Amino acid sequence: MNPERKYDVILAPWITEKSTEGSEHNQFTFKVARGSTKVEIKSGIEELFGVTVTKVNTINMRGKIKRFRGRLGKRAAYKKAIVTIAEGQSIDITTGI
């Protein structure tokens, strides 16, 4: 993978109540680029955080249609990845990269 591409693939950590519960089971959730593959996500996480990734699950989230002041609008679509890392390793997503 191109060294600059790893910063383009992993956009941000996804911090919610559900993703925080997953961190207890070595699962971490990230917002990733829509065109990225599981192999790119795996190598990007391994290079950025120095951990061993065992599994990558991806989800394409459609943008919801919402009303704002009586007009229809649409939220942007995005992709997120749930990454499982090896036992005994951890990622501190609260610190900057």
Protein backbone atom coordinates (compact mmCIF):
# COMPACT_ATOMS: atom_id res chain seq x y z
CA MET A 1 0.00 0.00 0.00
CA ASN A 2 1.14 3.50 -0.82
CA PRO A 3 2.30 5.21 2.43
CA GLU A 4 0.03 8.21 1.83
CA ARG A 5 -2.96 5.98 1.05
CA LYS A 6 -3.17 4.62 4.63
CA TYR A 7 -4.06 8.11 5.84
CA ASP A 8 -6.72 8.40 3.13
CA VAL A 9 -8.32 5.03 3.95
CA ILE A 10 -8.79 5.48 7.71
CA LEU A 11 -10.75 8.70 8.21
CA ALA A 12 -11.72 8.75 11.90
CA PRO A 13 -12.57 6.52 14.85
CA TRP A 14 -16.28 5.91 15.31
CA ILE A 15 -17.03 6.46 19.00
CA THR A 16 -20.50 5.45 20.13
CA GLU A 17 -21.85 3.50 23.06
CA LYS A 18 -22.02 0.33 20.98
CA SER A 19 -18.49 0.69 19.61
CA THR A 20 -17.16 1.32 23.12
CA GLU A 21 -18.69 -1.98 24.26
CA GLY A 22 -16.96 -3.68 21.32
CA SER A 23 -13.57 -2.45 22.51
CA GLU A 24 -13.93 -4.81 25.48
CA HIS A 25 -13.81 -7.68 22.94
CA ASN A 26 -10.86 -6.24 20.93
CA GLN A 27 -13.17 -4.73 18.28
CA PHE A 28 -12.69 -1.15 17.17
CA THR A 29 -14.87 0.83 14.76
CA PHE A 30 -13.55 3.35 12.22
CA LYS A 31 -15.07 5.55 9.54
CA VAL A 32 -13.25 4.65 6.31
CA ALA A 33 -13.17 5.84 2.70
CA ARG A 34 -16.09 4.55 0.62
CA GLY A 35 -13.83 3.03 -2.03
CA SER A 36 -11.53 1.19 0.37
CA THR A 37 -11.27 -2.60 0.53
CA LYS A 38 -10.88 -4.88 3.53
CA VAL A 39 -7.24 -5.55 2.63
CA GLU A 40 -6.47 -1.82 2.51
CA ILE A 41 -8.25 -1.26 5.82
CA LYS A 42 -6.34 -4.12 7.45
CA SER A 43 -2.93 -2.93 6.27
CA GLY A 44 -3.75 0.69 7.16
CA ILE A 45 -4.71 -0.18 10.74
CA GLU A 46 -1.68 -2.43 11.16
CA GLU A 47 0.73 0.25 9.92
CA LEU A 48 -0.85 3.20 11.76
CA PHE A 49 -1.35 1.57 15.17
CA GLY A 50 1.23 -1.25 15.13
CA VAL A 51 -1.24 -4.05 15.93
CA THR A 52 -2.15 -7.38 14.30
CA VAL A 53 -5.60 -7.37 12.69
CA THR A 54 -7.43 -10.71 12.66
CA LYS A 55 -10.73 -9.70 11.05
CA VAL A 56 -12.34 -6.78 9.21
CA ASN A 57 -16.09 -6.31 8.75
CA THR A 58 -17.36 -3.42 6.63
CA ILE A 59 -20.76 -1.73 6.45
CA ASN A 60 -21.96 0.67 3.74
CA MET A 61 -24.35 3.09 5.41
CA ARG A 62 -26.84 4.87 3.17
CA GLY A 63 -27.61 8.52 3.73
CA LYS A 64 -30.95 9.13 5.40
CA ILE A 65 -33.57 11.45 3.95
CA LYS A 66 -34.45 14.14 6.48
CA ARG A 67 -36.58 17.27 6.56
CA PHE A 68 -35.14 20.66 7.43
CA ARG A 69 -37.54 23.61 7.64
CA GLY A 70 -40.06 21.73 5.53
CA ARG A 71 -37.64 20.86 2.75
CA LEU A 72 -36.27 17.44 1.98
CA GLY A 73 -32.56 16.88 2.30
CA LYS A 74 -30.27 13.89 2.34
CA ARG A 75 -27.39 13.05 4.63
CA ALA A 76 -24.17 11.85 3.07
CA ALA A 77 -23.54 8.10 2.74
CA TYR A 78 -20.47 6.66 4.47
CA LYS A 79 -18.65 3.41 5.14
CA LYS A 80 -17.53 2.07 8.48
CA ALA A 81 -15.30 -0.83 9.42
CA ILE A 82 -15.32 -2.98 12.54
CA VAL A 83 -11.77 -4.22 13.06
CA THR A 84 -10.92 -7.12 15.37
CA ILE A 85 -7.34 -7.17 16.63
CA ALA A 86 -5.29 -9.98 18.17
CA GLU A 87 -5.78 -10.94 21.80
CA GLY A 88 -3.67 -8.94 24.25
CA GLN A 89 -3.26 -5.91 21.98
CA SER A 90 -5.11 -2.61 22.16
CA ILE A 91 -5.57 0.66 20.32
CA ASP A 92 -5.78 4.00 22.12
CA ILE A 93 -8.16 5.87 19.80
CA THR A 94 -8.43 8.87 22.12
CA THR A 95 -4.94 10.11 21.15
CA GLY A 96 -4.11 11.68 17.81
CA ILE A 97 -2.27 9.92 15.00
